[in-house]
Amino acid sequence: MGSTNTDVTNVDLTRETGVDVTATAFTETTADDTETLTITPTRRGTQLVVIINEVSGDAGTMTVDCAAGDYWAGQAMTQVEIAQGKSKAFVFEPAKHKDKDDDSIVLTITPASGKKVWTDHDATWQCFQLPS
């Protein structure tokens, strides 16, 4: 099973100002292969929001995992399911999920059995940081 790795660029929100938060399409086109988002917050991790959208509405349920980090509270996130046609938003506890070497948070998106993240699920993601 392969995986496509994507480095995420965070969008910083500004108070009382509209900021474009465009949905970005996943790129994995091989059945049963995962796609990994590597996110490096530039603000406190609790100010980071990631939205994952299953757009197709008929490809089944995707799953999202977040790896355990290296800090004192390191713990993987309980796997989250995203049903067809639904979206879920995530906020992270940095002490649980951040890597000590580069402060990244890693998410792995797995398609429904026999499906492709991009072409079957038509899945997209958005990542933004709340103002300080």
N, C-alpha and C. Protein backbone atom coordinates (compact mmCIF):
# COMPACT_ATOMS: atom_id res chain seq x y z
N MET A 1 0.85 -1.17 0.00
CA MET A 1 0.00 0.00 0.00
C MET A 1 0.90 1.24 0.00
N GLY A 2 0.65 2.16 -0.91
CA GLY A 2 1.45 3.37 -1.01
C GLY A 2 0.81 4.54 -0.30
N SER A 3 1.45 5.68 -0.44
CA SER A 3 0.93 6.89 0.19
C SER A 3 1.48 8.10 -0.55
N THR A 4 0.65 9.11 -0.69
CA THR A 4 1.07 10.40 -1.21
C THR A 4 1.27 11.32 -0.02
N ASN A 5 2.41 11.98 0.05
CA ASN A 5 2.69 12.91 1.15
C ASN A 5 2.53 14.33 0.66
N THR A 6 1.79 15.14 1.41
CA THR A 6 1.54 16.53 1.05
C THR A 6 1.95 17.43 2.19
N ASP A 7 2.84 18.40 1.91
CA ASP A 7 3.18 19.41 2.90
C ASP A 7 2.14 20.51 2.81
N VAL A 8 1.54 20.84 3.93
CA VAL A 8 0.42 21.77 3.98
C VAL A 8 0.91 23.19 4.25
N THR A 9 0.35 24.14 3.53
CA THR A 9 0.58 25.56 3.81
C THR A 9 -0.63 26.07 4.58
N ASN A 10 -0.40 26.58 5.78
CA ASN A 10 -1.48 27.07 6.63
C ASN A 10 -1.92 28.46 6.17
N VAL A 11 -3.21 28.73 6.25
CA VAL A 11 -3.74 30.06 5.98
C VAL A 11 -4.00 30.72 7.33
N ASP A 12 -3.42 31.89 7.55
CA ASP A 12 -3.64 32.62 8.80
C ASP A 12 -4.88 33.49 8.69
N LEU A 13 -5.84 33.27 9.60
CA LEU A 13 -7.03 34.11 9.64
C LEU A 13 -6.70 35.41 10.37
N THR A 14 -7.38 36.46 9.99
CA THR A 14 -7.21 37.76 10.62
C THR A 14 -8.56 38.18 11.19
N ARG A 15 -8.55 38.73 12.39
CA ARG A 15 -9.81 39.14 13.03
C ARG A 15 -10.54 40.16 12.16
N GLU A 16 -11.84 39.92 12.02
CA GLU A 16 -12.75 40.83 11.34
C GLU A 16 -12.35 41.15 9.90
N THR A 17 -11.66 40.21 9.28
CA THR A 17 -11.28 40.35 7.88
C THR A 17 -11.54 39.01 7.19
N GLY A 18 -12.16 39.04 6.05
CA GLY A 18 -12.39 37.80 5.30
C GLY A 18 -11.11 37.32 4.64
N VAL A 19 -10.81 36.06 4.80
CA VAL A 19 -9.60 35.47 4.22
C VAL A 19 -10.03 34.26 3.40
N ASP A 20 -9.51 34.14 2.16
CA ASP A 20 -9.82 32.97 1.34
C ASP A 20 -9.26 31.71 1.99
N VAL A 21 -10.10 30.72 2.17
CA VAL A 21 -9.67 29.42 2.68
C VAL A 21 -10.17 28.40 1.66
N THR A 22 -9.44 28.29 0.58
CA THR A 22 -9.82 27.46 -0.55
C THR A 22 -9.63 25.98 -0.22
N ALA A 23 -10.60 25.17 -0.62
CA ALA A 23 -10.46 23.73 -0.46
C ALA A 23 -9.44 23.22 -1.48
N THR A 24 -8.53 22.37 -1.01
CA THR A 24 -7.49 21.79 -1.85
C THR A 24 -7.81 20.32 -2.07
N ALA A 25 -7.77 19.88 -3.31
CA ALA A 25 -8.07 18.48 -3.61
C ALA A 25 -6.91 17.58 -3.19
N PHE A 26 -7.24 16.43 -2.64
CA PHE A 26 -6.23 15.41 -2.42
C PHE A 26 -5.76 14.93 -3.78
N THR A 27 -4.64 14.24 -3.84
CA THR A 27 -4.08 13.86 -5.13
C THR A 27 -3.93 12.36 -5.34
N GLU A 28 -4.13 11.54 -4.32
CA GLU A 28 -3.91 10.09 -4.44
C GLU A 28 -4.95 9.47 -5.37
N THR A 29 -4.46 8.75 -6.40
CA THR A 29 -5.36 8.17 -7.40
C THR A 29 -5.24 6.65 -7.51
N THR A 30 -4.61 6.02 -6.51
CA THR A 30 -4.47 4.57 -6.53
C THR A 30 -5.41 3.97 -5.48
N ALA A 31 -6.17 2.97 -5.87
CA ALA A 31 -7.12 2.33 -4.95
C ALA A 31 -6.42 1.85 -3.69
N ASP A 32 -7.03 2.10 -2.55
CA ASP A 32 -6.60 1.68 -1.22
C ASP A 32 -5.34 2.38 -0.70
N ASP A 33 -4.76 3.31 -1.47
CA ASP A 33 -3.58 4.03 -0.99
C ASP A 33 -4.00 5.23 -0.14
N THR A 34 -3.21 5.51 0.87
CA THR A 34 -3.49 6.61 1.78
C THR A 34 -2.89 7.91 1.27
N GLU A 35 -3.34 9.00 1.86
CA GLU A 35 -2.71 10.30 1.60
C GLU A 35 -2.38 10.90 2.97
N THR A 36 -1.16 11.41 3.08
CA THR A 36 -0.68 11.96 4.35
C THR A 36 -0.51 13.47 4.23
N LEU A 37 -1.09 14.18 5.18
CA LEU A 37 -0.91 15.63 5.27
C LEU A 37 0.09 15.91 6.38
N THR A 38 1.16 16.62 6.06
CA THR A 38 2.14 17.02 7.06
C THR A 38 1.94 18.52 7.29
N ILE A 39 1.52 18.86 8.50
CA ILE A 39 1.14 20.23 8.83
C ILE A 39 2.12 20.77 9.87
N THR A 40 2.67 21.95 9.62
CA THR A 40 3.56 22.58 10.57
C THR A 40 2.94 23.89 11.02
N PRO A 41 2.29 23.90 12.19
CA PRO A 41 1.67 25.13 12.67
C PRO A 41 2.72 26.21 12.93
N THR A 42 2.35 27.45 12.66
CA THR A 42 3.23 28.57 13.00
C THR A 42 2.67 29.36 14.18
N ARG A 43 1.56 28.89 14.71
CA ARG A 43 0.96 29.43 15.94
C ARG A 43 0.73 28.24 16.86
N ARG A 44 0.23 28.50 18.06
CA ARG A 44 -0.06 27.40 18.98
C ARG A 44 -0.94 26.36 18.29
N GLY A 45 -0.65 25.10 18.54
CA GLY A 45 -1.37 24.01 17.89
C GLY A 45 -2.86 24.03 18.11
N THR A 46 -3.31 24.57 19.24
CA THR A 46 -4.74 24.63 19.50
C THR A 46 -5.42 25.69 18.65
N GLN A 47 -4.65 26.47 17.90
CA GLN A 47 -5.23 27.47 16.99
C GLN A 47 -5.27 26.96 15.56
N LEU A 48 -4.89 25.72 15.35
CA LEU A 48 -4.88 25.12 14.02
C LEU A 48 -6.18 24.36 13.79
N VAL A 49 -6.82 24.61 12.65
CA VAL A 49 -8.05 23.91 12.29
C VAL A 49 -7.85 23.27 10.92
N VAL A 50 -8.19 21.99 10.83
CA VAL A 50 -8.13 21.27 9.56
C VAL A 50 -9.53 20.75 9.28
N ILE A 51 -10.01 20.99 8.06
CA ILE A 51 -11.31 20.47 7.64
C ILE A 51 -11.06 19.48 6.50
N ILE A 52 -11.66 18.30 6.62
CA ILE A 52 -11.55 17.29 5.57
C ILE A 52 -12.96 16.99 5.07
N ASN A 53 -13.11 17.04 3.75
CA ASN A 53 -14.42 16.90 3.11
C ASN A 53 -14.46 15.65 2.23
N GLU A 54 -15.48 14.82 2.42
CA GLU A 54 -15.73 13.70 1.51
C GLU A 54 -16.84 14.20 0.60
N VAL A 55 -16.49 14.56 -0.63
CA VAL A 55 -17.40 15.30 -1.49
C VAL A 55 -18.29 14.40 -2.34
N SER A 56 -17.84 13.20 -2.69
CA SER A 56 -18.55 12.37 -3.67
C SER A 56 -19.97 12.03 -3.25
N GLY A 57 -20.15 11.71 -1.99
CA GLY A 57 -21.47 11.32 -1.52
C GLY A 57 -21.85 9.89 -1.82
N ASP A 58 -20.96 9.13 -2.52
CA ASP A 58 -21.34 7.75 -2.82
C ASP A 58 -20.14 6.78 -2.84
N ALA A 59 -19.03 7.18 -2.25
CA ALA A 59 -17.83 6.33 -2.29
C ALA A 59 -17.57 5.59 -0.99
N GLY A 60 -18.42 5.74 0.00
CA GLY A 60 -18.19 5.07 1.27
C GLY A 60 -17.50 5.99 2.26
N THR A 61 -17.04 5.40 3.35
CA THR A 61 -16.48 6.16 4.47
C THR A 61 -14.96 6.16 4.44
N MET A 62 -14.38 7.36 4.56
CA MET A 62 -12.93 7.51 4.70
C MET A 62 -12.61 7.53 6.19
N THR A 63 -11.34 7.28 6.52
CA THR A 63 -10.92 7.41 7.91
C THR A 63 -9.73 8.37 7.99
N VAL A 64 -9.60 9.01 9.16
CA VAL A 64 -8.51 9.94 9.42
C VAL A 64 -7.81 9.52 10.70
N ASP A 65 -6.48 9.45 10.63
CA ASP A 65 -5.67 9.14 11.80
C ASP A 65 -4.67 10.26 11.99
N CYS A 66 -4.33 10.54 13.25
CA CYS A 66 -3.30 11.52 13.57
C CYS A 66 -2.28 10.82 14.47
N ALA A 67 -1.03 10.83 14.02
CA ALA A 67 0.03 10.12 14.72
C ALA A 67 0.31 10.71 16.10
N ALA A 68 0.88 9.88 16.96
CA ALA A 68 1.34 10.35 18.27
C ALA A 68 2.58 11.21 18.06
N GLY A 69 2.69 12.26 18.84
CA GLY A 69 3.87 13.11 18.78
C GLY A 69 4.95 12.61 19.72
N ASP A 70 6.02 13.40 19.83
CA ASP A 70 7.18 13.03 20.63
C ASP A 70 7.21 13.68 22.01
N TYR A 71 6.27 14.53 22.30
CA TYR A 71 6.29 15.24 23.57
C TYR A 71 5.72 14.39 24.69
N TRP A 72 5.77 14.91 25.91
CA TRP A 72 5.41 14.16 27.12
C TRP A 72 4.03 13.51 27.05
N ALA A 73 3.08 14.10 26.34
CA ALA A 73 1.72 13.57 26.29
C ALA A 73 1.45 12.81 24.99
N GLY A 74 2.50 12.45 24.24
CA GLY A 74 2.36 11.83 22.93
C GLY A 74 1.33 10.71 22.91
N GLN A 75 0.35 10.86 22.04
CA GLN A 75 -0.71 9.87 21.94
C GLN A 75 -1.39 10.03 20.58
N ALA A 76 -1.64 8.94 19.89
CA ALA A 76 -2.34 9.00 18.61
C ALA A 76 -3.81 9.35 18.84
N MET A 77 -4.37 10.05 17.88
CA MET A 77 -5.80 10.38 17.94
C MET A 77 -6.60 9.11 17.65
N THR A 78 -7.73 8.95 18.31
CA THR A 78 -8.64 7.86 17.98
C THR A 78 -9.11 8.06 16.55
N GLN A 79 -9.08 7.01 15.76
CA GLN A 79 -9.46 7.11 14.36
C GLN A 79 -10.86 7.72 14.20
N VAL A 80 -10.97 8.63 13.24
CA VAL A 80 -12.23 9.33 12.97
C VAL A 80 -12.72 8.92 11.59
N GLU A 81 -14.00 8.62 11.48
CA GLU A 81 -14.61 8.30 10.20
C GLU A 81 -15.28 9.53 9.61
N ILE A 82 -15.17 9.67 8.29
CA ILE A 82 -15.89 10.73 7.58
C ILE A 82 -16.79 10.04 6.57
N ALA A 83 -18.08 10.08 6.85
CA ALA A 83 -19.07 9.41 6.00
C ALA A 83 -19.17 10.12 4.66
N GLN A 84 -19.68 9.40 3.68
CA GLN A 84 -19.82 9.97 2.34
C GLN A 84 -20.69 11.22 2.38
N GLY A 85 -20.21 12.25 1.67
CA GLY A 85 -20.93 13.51 1.59
C GLY A 85 -20.82 14.39 2.83
N LYS A 86 -19.93 14.05 3.75
CA LYS A 86 -19.80 14.80 5.01
C LYS A 86 -18.43 15.47 5.11
N SER A 87 -18.32 16.40 6.05
CA SER A 87 -17.07 17.09 6.36
C SER A 87 -16.85 17.04 7.86
N LYS A 88 -15.58 17.01 8.26
CA LYS A 88 -15.25 17.07 9.69
C LYS A 88 -14.12 18.07 9.89
N ALA A 89 -14.20 18.82 10.99
CA ALA A 89 -13.17 19.79 11.36
C ALA A 89 -12.40 19.24 12.55
N PHE A 90 -11.08 19.49 12.57
CA PHE A 90 -10.20 18.98 13.61
C PHE A 90 -9.41 20.12 14.24
N VAL A 91 -9.23 20.06 15.56
CA VAL A 91 -8.32 20.92 16.32
C VAL A 91 -7.45 19.97 17.12
N PHE A 92 -6.17 20.29 17.25
CA PHE A 92 -5.23 19.33 17.85
C PHE A 92 -4.60 19.84 19.13
N GLU A 93 -4.29 18.90 20.02
CA GLU A 93 -3.53 19.20 21.22
C GLU A 93 -2.06 18.96 20.88
N PRO A 94 -1.27 20.04 20.82
CA PRO A 94 0.13 19.91 20.37
C PRO A 94 0.94 18.91 21.18
N ALA A 95 0.75 18.85 22.49
CA ALA A 95 1.56 17.94 23.31
C ALA A 95 1.29 16.47 22.97
N LYS A 96 0.17 16.19 22.33
CA LYS A 96 -0.16 14.82 21.94
C LYS A 96 0.37 14.46 20.55
N HIS A 97 0.44 15.45 19.64
CA HIS A 97 0.63 15.11 18.24
C HIS A 97 1.84 15.72 17.54
N LYS A 98 2.51 16.70 18.13
CA LYS A 98 3.62 17.36 17.44
C LYS A 98 4.91 16.56 17.50
N ASP A 99 5.63 16.56 16.38
CA ASP A 99 6.94 15.94 16.29
C ASP A 99 7.98 16.93 16.82
N LYS A 100 8.90 16.46 17.66
CA LYS A 100 9.91 17.35 18.26
C LYS A 100 10.89 17.91 17.24
N ASP A 101 11.20 17.15 16.21
CA ASP A 101 12.21 17.59 15.24
C ASP A 101 11.76 18.78 14.41
N ASP A 102 10.52 18.76 13.93
CA ASP A 102 10.08 19.84 13.05
C ASP A 102 8.74 20.45 13.45
N ASP A 103 8.20 20.07 14.61
CA ASP A 103 6.93 20.58 15.13
C ASP A 103 5.74 20.28 14.23
N SER A 104 5.86 19.29 13.35
CA SER A 104 4.76 18.96 12.45
C SER A 104 3.73 18.06 13.13
N ILE A 105 2.53 18.08 12.56
CA ILE A 105 1.44 17.20 12.93
C ILE A 105 1.11 16.42 11.66
N VAL A 106 1.01 15.09 11.76
CA VAL A 106 0.82 14.25 10.58
C VAL A 106 -0.55 13.59 10.62
N LEU A 107 -1.33 13.81 9.56
CA LEU A 107 -2.64 13.18 9.40
C LEU A 107 -2.57 12.19 8.24
N THR A 108 -3.20 11.04 8.41
CA THR A 108 -3.27 10.04 7.34
C THR A 108 -4.73 9.80 7.00
N ILE A 109 -5.06 9.96 5.72
CA ILE A 109 -6.42 9.77 5.25
C ILE A 109 -6.45 8.48 4.44
N THR A 110 -7.37 7.60 4.82
CA THR A 110 -7.49 6.29 4.18
C THR A 110 -8.85 6.20 3.49
N PRO A 111 -8.88 5.82 2.22
CA PRO A 111 -10.15 5.72 1.51
C PRO A 111 -10.92 4.47 1.92
N ALA A 112 -12.19 4.43 1.53
CA ALA A 112 -12.99 3.22 1.71
C ALA A 112 -12.33 2.10 0.90
N SER A 113 -12.57 0.86 1.28
CA SER A 113 -11.96 -0.29 0.62
C SER A 113 -12.20 -0.27 -0.89
N GLY A 114 -11.10 -0.38 -1.65
CA GLY A 114 -11.18 -0.41 -3.10
C GLY A 114 -11.35 0.95 -3.75
N LYS A 115 -11.34 2.01 -2.94
CA LYS A 115 -11.57 3.37 -3.45
C LYS A 115 -10.28 4.18 -3.47
N LYS A 116 -10.35 5.34 -4.15
CA LYS A 116 -9.22 6.26 -4.26
C LYS A 116 -9.60 7.57 -3.57
N VAL A 117 -8.67 8.13 -2.79
CA VAL A 117 -8.97 9.35 -2.02
C VAL A 117 -9.43 10.47 -2.94
N TRP A 118 -8.71 10.66 -4.06
CA TRP A 118 -9.06 11.79 -4.91
C TRP A 118 -10.16 11.46 -5.89
N THR A 119 -9.96 10.48 -6.75
CA THR A 119 -10.89 10.28 -7.85
C THR A 119 -12.21 9.64 -7.45
N ASP A 120 -12.25 8.82 -6.40
CA ASP A 120 -13.52 8.23 -5.96
C ASP A 120 -14.21 9.10 -4.90
N HIS A 121 -13.45 9.47 -3.86
CA HIS A 121 -14.04 10.28 -2.78
C HIS A 121 -14.15 11.76 -3.17
N ASP A 122 -13.37 12.19 -4.17
CA ASP A 122 -13.33 13.60 -4.56
C ASP A 122 -13.03 14.46 -3.32
N ALA A 123 -12.18 13.92 -2.44
CA ALA A 123 -11.93 14.53 -1.13
C ALA A 123 -11.08 15.80 -1.24
N THR A 124 -11.37 16.73 -0.35
CA THR A 124 -10.61 17.98 -0.26
C THR A 124 -10.26 18.26 1.19
N TRP A 125 -9.32 19.20 1.39
CA TRP A 125 -8.95 19.61 2.74
C TRP A 125 -8.73 21.12 2.76
N GLN A 126 -8.85 21.67 3.96
CA GLN A 126 -8.58 23.08 4.22
C GLN A 126 -7.83 23.14 5.55
N CYS A 127 -6.88 24.05 5.65
CA CYS A 127 -6.12 24.19 6.88
C CYS A 127 -5.93 25.67 7.16
N PHE A 128 -6.34 26.09 8.35
CA PHE A 128 -6.15 27.49 8.71
C PHE A 128 -5.82 27.61 10.18
N GLN A 129 -5.26 28.76 10.54
CA GLN A 129 -4.88 29.04 11.92
C GLN A 129 -5.68 30.24 12.41
N LEU A 130 -6.20 30.11 13.62
CA LEU A 130 -6.94 31.21 14.23
C LEU A 130 -5.99 32.30 14.67
N PRO A 131 -6.46 33.55 14.73
CA PRO A 131 -5.57 34.63 15.17
C PRO A 131 -5.17 34.46 16.64
N SER A 132 -4.03 35.02 16.98
CA SER A 132 -3.55 34.97 18.38
C SER A 132 -4.41 35.85 19.26
